[in-house]
Amino acid sequence: MSGKVAIKEDTKLALIKAGRRIIVEKGYNHAGIQEVLQAVGVPKGSFYHFFSSKEEFGLAIIEYDSQMHDRIVEQYLGDINLTPLNRLKRYFTFKLEEFETLQYREGCLFGNLSQEMADQNDRFRLRLQEATDRWRDQFAECIEAAQTAGEISKKQKAQDLAEFCLNSWEGALLQMKLSKSDAPLKNYIQFMFGMILK
């Protein structure tokens, strides 16, 4: 890769990262392109070199966040040094600690954008659905492994438990933002691992 191409890719990534930060704080509809440009320190032409519209920019941010999130989930759920159930618990403990450092702000980009954009933009809705389906499937695979290992009962399908696990987590994140505390997340972990995933 030539130096010029590398600089262009660095600029594109910087725009996506700045846009993600602004959107997760303000929402898609309140995030302005000019604010993103100022954050990165590039002219408007640079933005339209990479993205044909704000919509394309938003979709690129979802894709970026999805890839980053997939890697984190795989890192935790793929840790063969722990049992499957403990991998899952360690992942949620990591997320709890992450939100503590963020002072219980932001929440989940997928959840935030789903609430804001699912009824407004079908392209956003479908891209977010793909991302959350992958996330659910990662949980389901780990839960199924825990069932095989005898850590979790096989009375419920792994896919159904994963769906409940994900939906409940998103609800806990919403309550976390409202209360500005870790209580909803701790409550989630307590009930999910103390009563549901048994």
Protein backbone atom coordinates (compact mmCIF):
# COMPACT_ATOMS: atom_id res chain seq x y z
CA MET A 1 0.00 0.00 0.00
CA SER A 2 1.44 3.36 -1.01
CA GLY A 3 1.83 6.19 1.49
CA LYS A 4 -0.90 8.21 -0.23
CA VAL A 5 -3.43 5.37 -0.07
CA ALA A 6 -2.52 4.71 3.57
CA ILE A 7 -3.13 8.39 4.44
CA LYS A 8 -6.52 8.24 2.69
CA GLU A 9 -7.50 5.10 4.62
CA ASP A 10 -6.34 6.74 7.87
CA THR A 11 -8.56 9.75 7.08
CA LYS A 12 -11.54 7.51 6.35
CA LEU A 13 -11.06 5.62 9.62
CA ALA A 14 -10.65 8.88 11.55
CA LEU A 15 -13.95 10.15 10.10
CA ILE A 16 -15.73 6.91 11.02
CA LYS A 17 -14.35 6.94 14.58
CA ALA A 18 -15.27 10.60 15.11
CA GLY A 19 -18.72 10.01 13.63
CA ARG A 20 -19.28 7.00 15.87
CA ARG A 21 -18.36 8.98 18.97
CA ILE A 22 -20.70 11.84 18.06
CA ILE A 23 -23.60 9.57 17.02
CA VAL A 24 -23.42 7.44 20.16
CA GLU A 25 -23.61 10.65 22.24
CA LYS A 26 -26.12 12.71 20.24
CA GLY A 27 -27.91 10.30 17.93
CA TYR A 28 -27.76 10.08 14.16
CA ASN A 29 -30.22 12.88 13.42
CA HIS A 30 -28.40 15.36 15.69
CA ALA A 31 -24.91 14.51 14.42
CA GLY A 32 -23.71 17.05 11.85
CA ILE A 33 -21.16 16.37 9.12
CA GLN A 34 -19.48 19.69 9.92
CA GLU A 35 -18.95 18.61 13.53
CA VAL A 36 -17.30 15.40 12.32
CA LEU A 37 -15.06 17.36 9.92
CA GLN A 38 -14.00 19.73 12.68
CA ALA A 39 -13.23 16.82 15.01
CA VAL A 40 -10.93 15.26 12.41
CA GLY A 41 -9.61 18.52 10.95
CA VAL A 42 -10.30 17.80 7.29
CA PRO A 43 -12.23 19.72 4.59
CA LYS A 44 -15.70 18.76 3.37
CA GLY A 45 -14.26 17.38 0.14
CA SER A 46 -12.47 14.69 2.12
CA PHE A 47 -15.76 13.48 3.53
CA TYR A 48 -17.46 13.20 0.14
CA HIS A 49 -14.40 11.48 -1.30
CA PHE A 50 -15.23 8.51 0.96
CA PHE A 51 -18.99 8.77 1.51
CA SER A 52 -21.66 9.76 -0.99
CA SER A 53 -24.08 10.88 1.74
CA LYS A 54 -24.66 11.04 5.48
CA GLU A 55 -26.67 7.82 5.15
CA GLU A 56 -23.68 5.99 3.61
CA PHE A 57 -21.54 7.39 6.43
CA GLY A 58 -23.96 6.07 9.05
CA LEU A 59 -23.99 2.63 7.44
CA ALA A 60 -20.17 2.61 7.38
CA ILE A 61 -20.16 3.42 11.11
CA ILE A 62 -22.52 0.50 11.81
CA GLU A 63 -20.25 -1.80 9.81
CA TYR A 64 -17.14 -0.58 11.63
CA ASP A 65 -18.75 -0.93 15.04
CA SER A 66 -20.05 -4.38 14.13
CA GLN A 67 -16.58 -5.59 13.14
CA MET A 68 -14.98 -4.19 16.30
CA HIS A 69 -17.73 -5.71 18.44
CA ASP A 70 -17.43 -9.11 16.75
CA ARG A 71 -13.73 -9.21 17.59
CA ILE A 72 -14.33 -8.40 21.25
CA VAL A 73 -17.09 -11.01 21.58
CA GLU A 74 -14.92 -13.62 19.85
CA GLN A 75 -12.00 -12.76 22.14
CA TYR A 76 -14.07 -13.45 25.26
CA LEU A 77 -16.32 -16.25 24.07
CA GLY A 78 -13.45 -18.02 22.34
CA ASP A 79 -11.26 -18.20 25.45
CA ILE A 80 -10.76 -21.96 25.82
CA ASN A 81 -9.08 -21.47 29.21
CA LEU A 82 -12.55 -20.90 30.70
CA THR A 83 -15.70 -23.01 30.62
CA PRO A 84 -18.35 -21.74 28.14
CA LEU A 85 -20.57 -20.32 30.89
CA ASN A 86 -17.65 -18.50 32.50
CA ARG A 87 -16.62 -17.08 29.12
CA LEU A 88 -20.06 -15.55 28.77
CA LYS A 89 -20.01 -14.21 32.32
CA ARG A 90 -16.53 -12.75 31.82
CA TYR A 91 -17.73 -10.95 28.68
CA PHE A 92 -20.58 -9.24 30.54
CA THR A 93 -18.29 -8.40 33.47
CA PHE A 94 -15.91 -6.76 30.98
CA LYS A 95 -18.81 -4.74 29.52
CA LEU A 96 -19.89 -3.67 33.01
CA GLU A 97 -16.37 -2.40 33.74
CA GLU A 98 -16.25 -0.65 30.35
CA PHE A 99 -19.46 1.27 31.09
CA GLU A 100 -18.14 2.21 34.52
CA THR A 101 -15.19 3.95 32.81
CA LEU A 102 -17.68 5.72 30.51
CA GLN A 103 -19.63 6.89 33.60
CA TYR A 104 -22.70 4.98 32.39
CA ARG A 105 -23.02 7.04 29.22
CA GLU A 106 -23.41 6.10 25.56
CA GLY A 107 -24.90 2.62 25.89
CA CYS A 108 -24.88 0.39 22.80
CA LEU A 109 -24.64 1.95 19.34
CA PHE A 110 -26.81 -0.84 17.90
CA GLY A 111 -29.49 -0.31 20.54
CA ASN A 112 -29.37 3.49 20.29
CA LEU A 113 -29.65 3.50 16.51
CA SER A 114 -32.33 0.80 16.51
CA GLN A 115 -34.53 2.98 18.71
CA GLU A 116 -33.85 6.09 16.66
CA MET A 117 -33.71 4.80 13.08
CA ALA A 118 -35.59 1.48 12.69
CA ASP A 119 -38.86 3.24 11.82
CA GLN A 120 -37.17 5.90 9.69
CA ASN A 121 -34.71 4.07 7.46
CA ASP A 122 -35.00 0.50 6.22
CA ARG A 123 -31.34 0.28 5.20
CA PHE A 124 -30.31 1.13 8.77
CA ARG A 125 -32.87 -1.30 10.18
CA LEU A 126 -31.65 -4.20 8.05
CA ARG A 127 -27.95 -3.50 8.74
CA LEU A 128 -28.63 -3.28 12.48
CA GLN A 129 -30.67 -6.48 12.33
CA GLU A 130 -27.74 -8.29 10.67
CA ALA A 131 -25.34 -7.04 13.35
CA THR A 132 -27.57 -8.01 16.28
CA ASP A 133 -28.39 -11.39 14.71
CA ARG A 134 -24.66 -12.16 14.55
CA TRP A 135 -24.27 -11.08 18.17
CA ARG A 136 -27.17 -13.33 19.23
CA ASP A 137 -25.71 -16.25 17.28
CA GLN A 138 -22.36 -15.82 19.06
CA PHE A 139 -24.19 -16.04 22.39
CA ALA A 140 -26.18 -19.07 21.19
CA GLU A 141 -23.02 -20.93 20.19
CA CYS A 142 -21.48 -20.34 23.63
CA ILE A 143 -24.71 -21.27 25.44
CA GLU A 144 -24.99 -24.48 23.40
CA ALA A 145 -21.41 -25.36 24.36
CA ALA A 146 -22.32 -24.73 28.01
CA GLN A 147 -25.34 -27.02 27.64
CA THR A 148 -23.15 -29.74 26.14
CA ALA A 149 -20.72 -29.31 29.06
CA GLY A 150 -23.59 -29.69 31.53
CA GLU A 151 -23.32 -26.11 32.86
CA ILE A 152 -26.76 -25.08 31.58
CA SER A 153 -29.97 -27.09 31.34
CA LYS A 154 -31.06 -28.21 27.88
CA LYS A 155 -34.74 -27.52 28.68
CA GLN A 156 -34.61 -24.31 26.61
CA LYS A 157 -33.14 -23.94 23.13
CA ALA A 158 -29.76 -22.20 23.06
CA GLN A 159 -31.07 -19.78 20.41
CA ASP A 160 -34.03 -18.76 22.60
CA LEU A 161 -31.79 -18.24 25.63
CA ALA A 162 -29.40 -16.17 23.51
CA GLU A 163 -32.29 -14.00 22.27
CA PHE A 164 -33.46 -13.41 25.83
CA CYS A 165 -29.89 -12.75 26.96
CA LEU A 166 -29.37 -10.08 24.28
CA ASN A 167 -32.77 -8.41 24.64
CA SER A 168 -32.45 -8.22 28.42
CA TRP A 169 -28.96 -6.74 28.13
CA GLU A 170 -30.19 -3.98 25.81
CA GLY A 171 -32.94 -3.17 28.30
CA ALA A 172 -30.42 -3.07 31.14
CA LEU A 173 -28.27 -0.63 29.14
CA LEU A 174 -31.25 1.66 28.66
CA GLN A 175 -31.92 1.65 32.40
CA MET A 176 -28.20 2.22 33.07
CA LYS A 177 -28.32 5.42 31.01
CA LEU A 178 -31.45 6.61 32.82
CA SER A 179 -30.14 5.88 36.32
CA LYS A 180 -26.49 6.76 35.57
CA SER A 181 -25.47 3.77 37.65
CA ASP A 182 -24.26 0.20 37.29
CA ALA A 183 -27.21 -1.19 39.28
CA PRO A 184 -29.20 -2.37 36.21
CA LEU A 185 -26.13 -4.13 34.78
CA LYS A 186 -25.29 -5.81 38.07
CA ASN A 187 -28.93 -6.85 38.40
CA TYR A 188 -28.80 -8.30 34.88
CA ILE A 189 -25.66 -10.33 35.62
CA GLN A 190 -27.07 -11.56 38.93
CA PHE A 191 -30.36 -12.80 37.43
CA MET A 192 -28.95 -14.03 34.12
CA PHE A 193 -26.28 -16.18 35.70
CA GLY A 194 -28.02 -16.89 38.99
CA MET A 195 -31.42 -17.93 37.63
CA ILE A 196 -31.74 -18.02 33.81
CA LEU A 197 -28.55 -19.70 32.62
CA LYS A 198 -28.69 -22.62 35.03
